[in-house]
Amino acid sequence: MASNHSQIIQYHLHEENLTELQFEIHSLEDYICEHQTKMTKPHSHTYYQILWFEKGAGKHYVDFKEYEVVENTLFFITKNQIHYFDKNPLYNGVVMVFNDVFLADSENYMESFLRDTIFNNFESDPRFQISKREVDTFHRITELMRMEFQEKDDFTRKEYLRHLLNLVLITLQRIGKRNHDVSLPMQHQSHMVLVKFKQLLEKHYKEKHLVQQYAVMLDISVKTLSNVTKVLTQRSPLALINERIVLEAKRLLSYSGMSISEIAFDVGFEDPSYFAKFFKRQSGILPNEFRRLHS
């Protein structure tokens, strides 16, 4: 189901029936055939999406950036991220979609880590390629998932699919490395802090703009938080906060009919003129100029 808020089309997964399985897997060819008109227009989801472009070549667009699609490219589209396909999406592969409630409960750190590391909302490349050696592994797992997804009434169907999805994410975490992220064991304390910081940031970036506010919620010092983000992302906590605010502002400037003042208020600024200065300092361009270039 779709909703149209301020001209940004957003799709949901079984929003009106939470008793439905909050997971789907389809061949990319079938998915494109069914949704091609929608897919080539900018849109977002309230769920997570994994796109495996096994064969085919073209472009994919995620948050104002154009990415080359080549064989065995995987894209990880997180909640609220704006993306769309090129006009001639002739691809073979697999698409998986799922909601938070399907993957993990709040007590399971492993599942939370995998989700929030792989589906990185704003500061990492949303894709990477897998080698031919790894393709066979993915074939086996996704084929098991497709077979189980088609068996509507099997015992523990949800649990089996959930374990298979976690196996996909674990495999990706082992083989994938994007941008300049430093690889550390997922049990490492620094990674735990970073994941929790990102979770809090995604929930509170519109009303909490200060590093101190996040350090308090994490029950650590500002210095500790700064050390963690600088080691693992090469950026300060404030830079990550500002990047998340600017990303949302760019989305609204590009795809909504909201005025600049309304956008300023939406992302937590009481003074639109201060928001404009902040946006230019972060982006090198004024909000109205960005809108003119990207809308």
Protein backbone atom coordinates (compact mmCIF):
# COMPACT_ATOMS: atom_id res chain seq x y z
CA MET A 1 0.00 0.00 0.00
CA ALA A 2 1.21 3.51 -0.77
CA SER A 3 0.79 6.85 0.91
CA ASN A 4 1.57 10.27 -0.57
CA HIS A 5 2.92 12.65 2.07
CA SER A 6 4.09 15.96 0.65
CA GLN A 7 4.54 14.34 -2.79
CA ILE A 8 6.97 11.67 -1.59
CA ILE A 9 5.38 8.32 -2.39
CA GLN A 10 5.92 5.83 0.42
CA TYR A 11 5.08 2.14 0.27
CA HIS A 12 4.20 -0.15 3.17
CA LEU A 13 4.27 -3.90 3.75
CA HIS A 14 0.97 -5.32 5.02
CA GLU A 15 0.30 -2.12 6.94
CA GLU A 16 -3.38 -2.93 7.40
CA ASN A 17 -2.85 -6.55 8.43
CA LEU A 18 -0.05 -7.04 10.93
CA THR A 19 -0.93 -10.73 11.24
CA GLU A 20 0.50 -11.23 7.74
CA LEU A 21 4.08 -12.42 7.40
CA GLN A 22 6.19 -9.24 7.38
CA PHE A 23 8.57 -10.66 4.81
CA GLU A 24 8.51 -11.33 1.06
CA ILE A 25 10.96 -12.71 -1.48
CA HIS A 26 10.48 -12.58 -5.24
CA SER A 27 12.46 -12.91 -8.44
CA LEU A 28 13.60 -9.48 -9.52
CA GLU A 29 12.16 -10.08 -13.00
CA ASP A 30 8.67 -10.75 -11.64
CA TYR A 31 8.92 -7.84 -9.23
CA ILE A 32 9.91 -5.43 -12.00
CA CYS A 33 7.17 -6.72 -14.28
CA GLU A 34 4.53 -6.11 -11.62
CA HIS A 35 5.78 -2.76 -10.29
CA GLN A 36 7.77 -1.17 -13.13
CA THR A 37 5.68 2.01 -13.36
CA LYS A 38 6.07 2.65 -9.63
CA MET A 39 9.70 1.59 -9.43
CA THR A 40 11.01 4.14 -11.92
CA LYS A 41 9.63 7.04 -9.86
CA PRO A 42 11.34 8.30 -6.66
CA HIS A 43 9.79 6.59 -3.65
CA SER A 44 10.54 5.26 -0.18
CA HIS A 45 9.40 2.37 2.02
CA THR A 46 8.62 1.85 5.67
CA TYR A 47 10.43 -1.47 5.38
CA TYR A 48 13.89 -2.76 4.42
CA GLN A 49 14.71 -4.00 0.94
CA ILE A 50 17.58 -6.10 -0.44
CA LEU A 51 18.02 -5.96 -4.22
CA TRP A 52 20.33 -8.55 -5.77
CA PHE A 53 21.05 -7.61 -9.39
CA GLU A 54 22.46 -10.96 -10.48
CA LYS A 55 22.44 -10.16 -14.19
CA GLY A 56 21.95 -6.96 -16.17
CA ALA A 57 23.52 -3.52 -16.29
CA GLY A 58 22.18 -0.03 -15.76
CA LYS A 59 21.73 2.65 -13.12
CA HIS A 60 20.11 2.75 -9.71
CA TYR A 61 19.40 5.99 -7.85
CA VAL A 62 19.60 6.31 -4.06
CA ASP A 63 19.30 9.63 -2.20
CA PHE A 64 20.44 11.96 -5.01
CA LYS A 65 23.28 9.69 -6.15
CA GLU A 66 23.53 7.62 -9.31
CA TYR A 67 25.07 4.17 -8.91
CA GLU A 68 26.29 1.83 -11.61
CA VAL A 69 24.58 -1.57 -11.63
CA VAL A 70 26.69 -4.47 -12.85
CA GLU A 71 26.30 -8.20 -12.42
CA ASN A 72 26.04 -9.41 -8.82
CA THR A 73 25.53 -6.00 -7.26
CA LEU A 74 23.54 -5.90 -4.03
CA PHE A 75 21.71 -2.79 -2.85
CA PHE A 76 20.48 -2.32 0.72
CA ILE A 77 17.61 0.14 0.87
CA THR A 78 16.69 1.15 4.39
CA LYS A 79 13.48 2.61 5.77
CA ASN A 80 12.59 6.07 4.44
CA GLN A 81 15.47 6.05 1.96
CA ILE A 82 14.47 7.45 -1.43
CA HIS A 83 15.44 5.38 -4.46
CA TYR A 84 14.29 4.39 -7.92
CA PHE A 85 15.19 2.22 -10.91
CA ASP A 86 16.32 3.37 -14.33
CA LYS A 87 13.79 3.48 -17.17
CA ASN A 88 14.79 0.17 -18.74
CA PRO A 89 15.33 -2.18 -15.78
CA LEU A 90 16.19 -5.41 -17.61
CA TYR A 91 17.58 -7.38 -14.70
CA ASN A 92 17.60 -10.88 -13.25
CA GLY A 93 17.98 -11.46 -9.56
CA VAL A 94 16.20 -11.46 -6.23
CA VAL A 95 14.34 -8.91 -4.12
CA MET A 96 13.69 -9.35 -0.39
CA VAL A 97 11.58 -7.04 1.76
CA PHE A 98 10.91 -7.17 5.50
CA ASN A 99 9.85 -5.07 8.48
CA ASP A 100 11.56 -4.56 11.83
CA VAL A 101 9.09 -6.83 13.56
CA PHE A 102 10.03 -9.72 11.29
CA LEU A 103 13.76 -9.59 11.83
CA ALA A 104 14.40 -8.84 15.46
CA ASP A 105 13.13 -8.07 18.89
CA SER A 106 14.69 -5.34 21.01
CA GLU A 107 16.62 -7.85 23.14
CA ASN A 108 18.53 -9.47 20.30
CA TYR A 109 21.73 -7.49 19.87
CA MET A 110 23.11 -9.68 17.07
CA GLU A 111 20.10 -9.14 14.82
CA SER A 112 19.98 -5.45 15.65
CA PHE A 113 23.68 -5.09 14.83
CA LEU A 114 23.32 -6.82 11.47
CA ARG A 115 20.31 -4.77 10.45
CA ASP A 116 21.72 -1.40 11.45
CA THR A 117 25.20 -2.05 10.09
CA ILE A 118 24.22 -3.42 6.69
CA PHE A 119 21.28 -1.08 6.16
CA ASN A 120 23.30 2.05 6.75
CA ASN A 121 20.98 4.97 6.31
CA PHE A 122 23.13 7.83 5.22
CA GLU A 123 26.90 7.72 5.44
CA SER A 124 27.86 4.58 3.54
CA ASP A 125 27.62 3.28 0.01
CA PRO A 126 24.29 1.38 -0.18
CA ARG A 127 25.72 -1.41 -2.33
CA PHE A 128 28.55 -3.79 -2.92
CA GLN A 129 29.37 -6.63 -5.26
CA ILE A 130 29.77 -10.29 -4.48
CA SER A 131 32.25 -12.56 -6.21
CA LYS A 132 31.37 -15.54 -8.39
CA ARG A 133 32.46 -17.80 -5.54
CA GLU A 134 29.91 -16.19 -3.24
CA VAL A 135 27.09 -16.36 -5.79
CA ASP A 136 26.59 -20.09 -5.22
CA THR A 137 26.14 -19.50 -1.49
CA PHE A 138 23.51 -16.84 -2.13
CA HIS A 139 21.74 -19.04 -4.64
CA ARG A 140 21.39 -21.81 -2.08
CA ILE A 141 20.09 -19.55 0.66
CA THR A 142 17.68 -17.55 -1.50
CA GLU A 143 16.30 -20.69 -3.14
CA LEU A 144 15.55 -22.13 0.31
CA MET A 145 13.86 -18.85 1.21
CA ARG A 146 11.72 -18.84 -1.93
CA MET A 147 10.61 -22.44 -1.38
CA GLU A 148 9.71 -21.76 2.25
CA PHE A 149 7.94 -18.49 1.40
CA GLN A 150 5.66 -20.36 -1.00
CA GLU A 151 4.69 -22.91 1.67
CA LYS A 152 1.92 -20.91 3.33
CA ASP A 153 1.00 -23.24 6.18
CA ASP A 154 4.19 -25.00 7.20
CA PHE A 155 5.06 -25.30 10.87
CA THR A 156 7.44 -22.55 12.12
CA ARG A 157 7.54 -20.97 8.64
CA LYS A 158 8.23 -17.50 10.05
CA GLU A 159 11.07 -18.71 12.29
CA TYR A 160 12.68 -20.65 9.46
CA LEU A 161 12.59 -17.65 7.11
CA ARG A 162 13.87 -15.39 9.84
CA HIS A 163 16.87 -17.66 10.43
CA LEU A 164 17.58 -17.76 6.69
CA LEU A 165 17.43 -13.97 6.50
CA ASN A 166 19.86 -13.72 9.39
CA LEU A 167 22.12 -16.15 7.54
CA VAL A 168 22.04 -13.78 4.53
CA LEU A 169 22.95 -10.82 6.75
CA ILE A 170 25.72 -12.70 8.53
CA THR A 171 27.18 -13.76 5.19
CA LEU A 172 27.05 -10.18 3.94
CA GLN A 173 28.68 -8.90 7.10
CA ARG A 174 31.53 -11.35 6.60
CA ILE A 175 32.23 -10.55 2.98
CA GLY A 176 31.15 -6.92 2.69
CA LYS A 177 33.16 -3.81 3.45
CA ARG A 178 32.06 -0.39 2.26
CA ASN A 179 33.70 3.03 2.18
CA HIS A 180 36.35 3.40 4.90
CA ASP A 181 34.58 1.46 7.62
CA VAL A 182 36.98 -0.29 9.96
CA SER A 183 36.19 -3.97 10.40
CA LEU A 184 35.84 -5.04 14.02
CA PRO A 185 34.21 -8.07 15.62
CA MET A 186 30.53 -7.36 16.18
CA GLN A 187 30.96 -8.08 19.88
CA HIS A 188 33.51 -5.27 20.17
CA GLN A 189 32.30 -2.57 22.57
CA SER A 190 32.98 0.24 20.10
CA HIS A 191 30.72 -1.33 17.49
CA MET A 192 27.98 -1.73 20.06
CA VAL A 193 28.22 1.96 20.94
CA LEU A 194 28.14 2.99 17.28
CA VAL A 195 25.08 0.86 16.52
CA LYS A 196 23.19 2.26 19.50
CA PHE A 197 24.20 5.81 18.56
CA LYS A 198 22.90 5.31 15.01
CA GLN A 199 19.64 3.88 16.34
CA LEU A 200 19.14 6.88 18.62
CA LEU A 201 20.13 9.30 15.89
CA GLU A 202 17.56 7.87 13.49
CA LYS A 203 14.84 8.29 16.13
CA HIS A 204 15.77 11.73 17.43
CA TYR A 205 17.68 13.69 14.76
CA LYS A 206 14.82 16.14 14.26
CA GLU A 207 14.72 17.31 17.86
CA LYS A 208 18.18 16.50 19.23
CA HIS A 209 21.06 18.23 17.46
CA LEU A 210 23.76 18.18 20.16
CA VAL A 211 26.37 15.48 20.75
CA GLN A 212 25.90 15.86 24.52
CA GLN A 213 22.25 14.78 24.23
CA TYR A 214 23.24 11.47 22.61
CA ALA A 215 26.11 10.87 25.01
CA VAL A 216 23.67 11.22 27.92
CA MET A 217 21.23 8.73 26.36
CA LEU A 218 24.13 6.30 25.78
CA ASP A 219 25.43 6.87 29.32
CA ILE A 220 28.94 7.62 28.07
CA SER A 221 31.10 10.73 27.83
CA VAL A 222 31.20 12.97 24.77
CA LYS A 223 34.88 12.08 24.42
CA THR A 224 34.12 8.35 24.32
CA LEU A 225 31.43 8.82 21.70
CA SER A 226 33.75 11.01 19.64
CA ASN A 227 36.54 8.44 19.79
CA VAL A 228 34.17 5.68 18.64
CA THR A 229 32.80 7.54 15.62
CA LYS A 230 36.19 8.84 14.55
CA VAL A 231 37.74 5.36 14.64
CA LEU A 232 34.86 3.57 12.91
CA THR A 233 33.56 6.23 10.50
CA GLN A 234 36.37 8.80 10.34
CA ARG A 235 33.85 11.49 11.33
CA SER A 236 32.81 13.22 14.53
CA PRO A 237 29.41 12.59 16.16
CA LEU A 238 28.38 16.13 15.27
CA ALA A 239 29.23 15.53 11.62
CA LEU A 240 27.01 12.43 11.61
CA ILE A 241 24.17 14.33 13.27
CA ASN A 242 24.45 17.16 10.77
CA GLU A 243 24.64 14.77 7.81
CA ARG A 244 21.43 13.06 8.88
CA ILE A 245 19.61 16.41 9.24
CA VAL A 246 20.85 17.62 5.85
CA LEU A 247 19.89 14.35 4.17
CA GLU A 248 16.30 14.69 5.35
CA ALA A 249 16.21 18.32 4.28
CA LYS A 250 17.50 17.37 0.82
CA ARG A 251 14.84 14.69 0.49
CA LEU A 252 12.11 17.17 1.33
CA LEU A 253 13.56 19.87 -0.90
CA SER A 254 13.73 17.49 -3.85
CA TYR A 255 10.56 15.46 -3.52
CA SER A 256 8.05 17.45 -1.47
CA GLY A 257 6.01 20.58 -1.93
CA MET A 258 6.87 21.86 1.53
CA SER A 259 8.17 25.41 1.77
CA ILE A 260 11.72 25.97 3.01
CA SER A 261 10.31 27.36 6.28
CA GLU A 262 8.20 24.23 6.73
CA ILE A 263 11.22 22.04 6.05
CA ALA A 264 13.27 24.03 8.56
CA PHE A 265 10.64 23.44 11.26
CA ASP A 266 10.31 19.78 10.30
CA VAL A 267 14.00 19.07 10.90
CA GLY A 268 14.09 20.99 14.17
CA PHE A 269 15.01 24.61 13.37
CA GLU A 270 12.88 27.41 14.82
CA ASP A 271 14.53 30.05 12.63
CA PRO A 272 14.36 29.36 8.85
CA SER A 273 17.17 31.83 8.17
CA TYR A 274 19.47 29.96 10.55
CA PHE A 275 18.47 26.70 8.84
CA ALA A 276 19.43 28.21 5.46
CA LYS A 277 22.86 29.19 6.82
CA PHE A 278 23.29 25.73 8.37
CA PHE A 279 22.32 24.03 5.10
CA LYS A 280 24.75 26.11 3.08
CA ARG A 281 27.55 25.51 5.56
CA GLN A 282 26.99 21.76 5.28
CA SER A 283 26.21 21.55 1.55
CA GLY A 284 27.90 24.55 -0.01
CA ILE A 285 24.61 25.70 -1.49
CA LEU A 286 21.45 27.41 -0.24
CA PRO A 287 18.25 25.35 0.16
CA ASN A 288 16.42 27.16 -2.64
CA GLU A 289 19.36 26.62 -5.00
CA PHE A 290 19.46 22.91 -4.11
CA ARG A 291 15.73 22.64 -4.80
CA ARG A 292 16.11 24.32 -8.17
CA LEU A 293 18.86 21.88 -9.17
CA HIS A 294 17.25 18.68 -7.88
CA SER A 295 13.47 19.00 -7.98
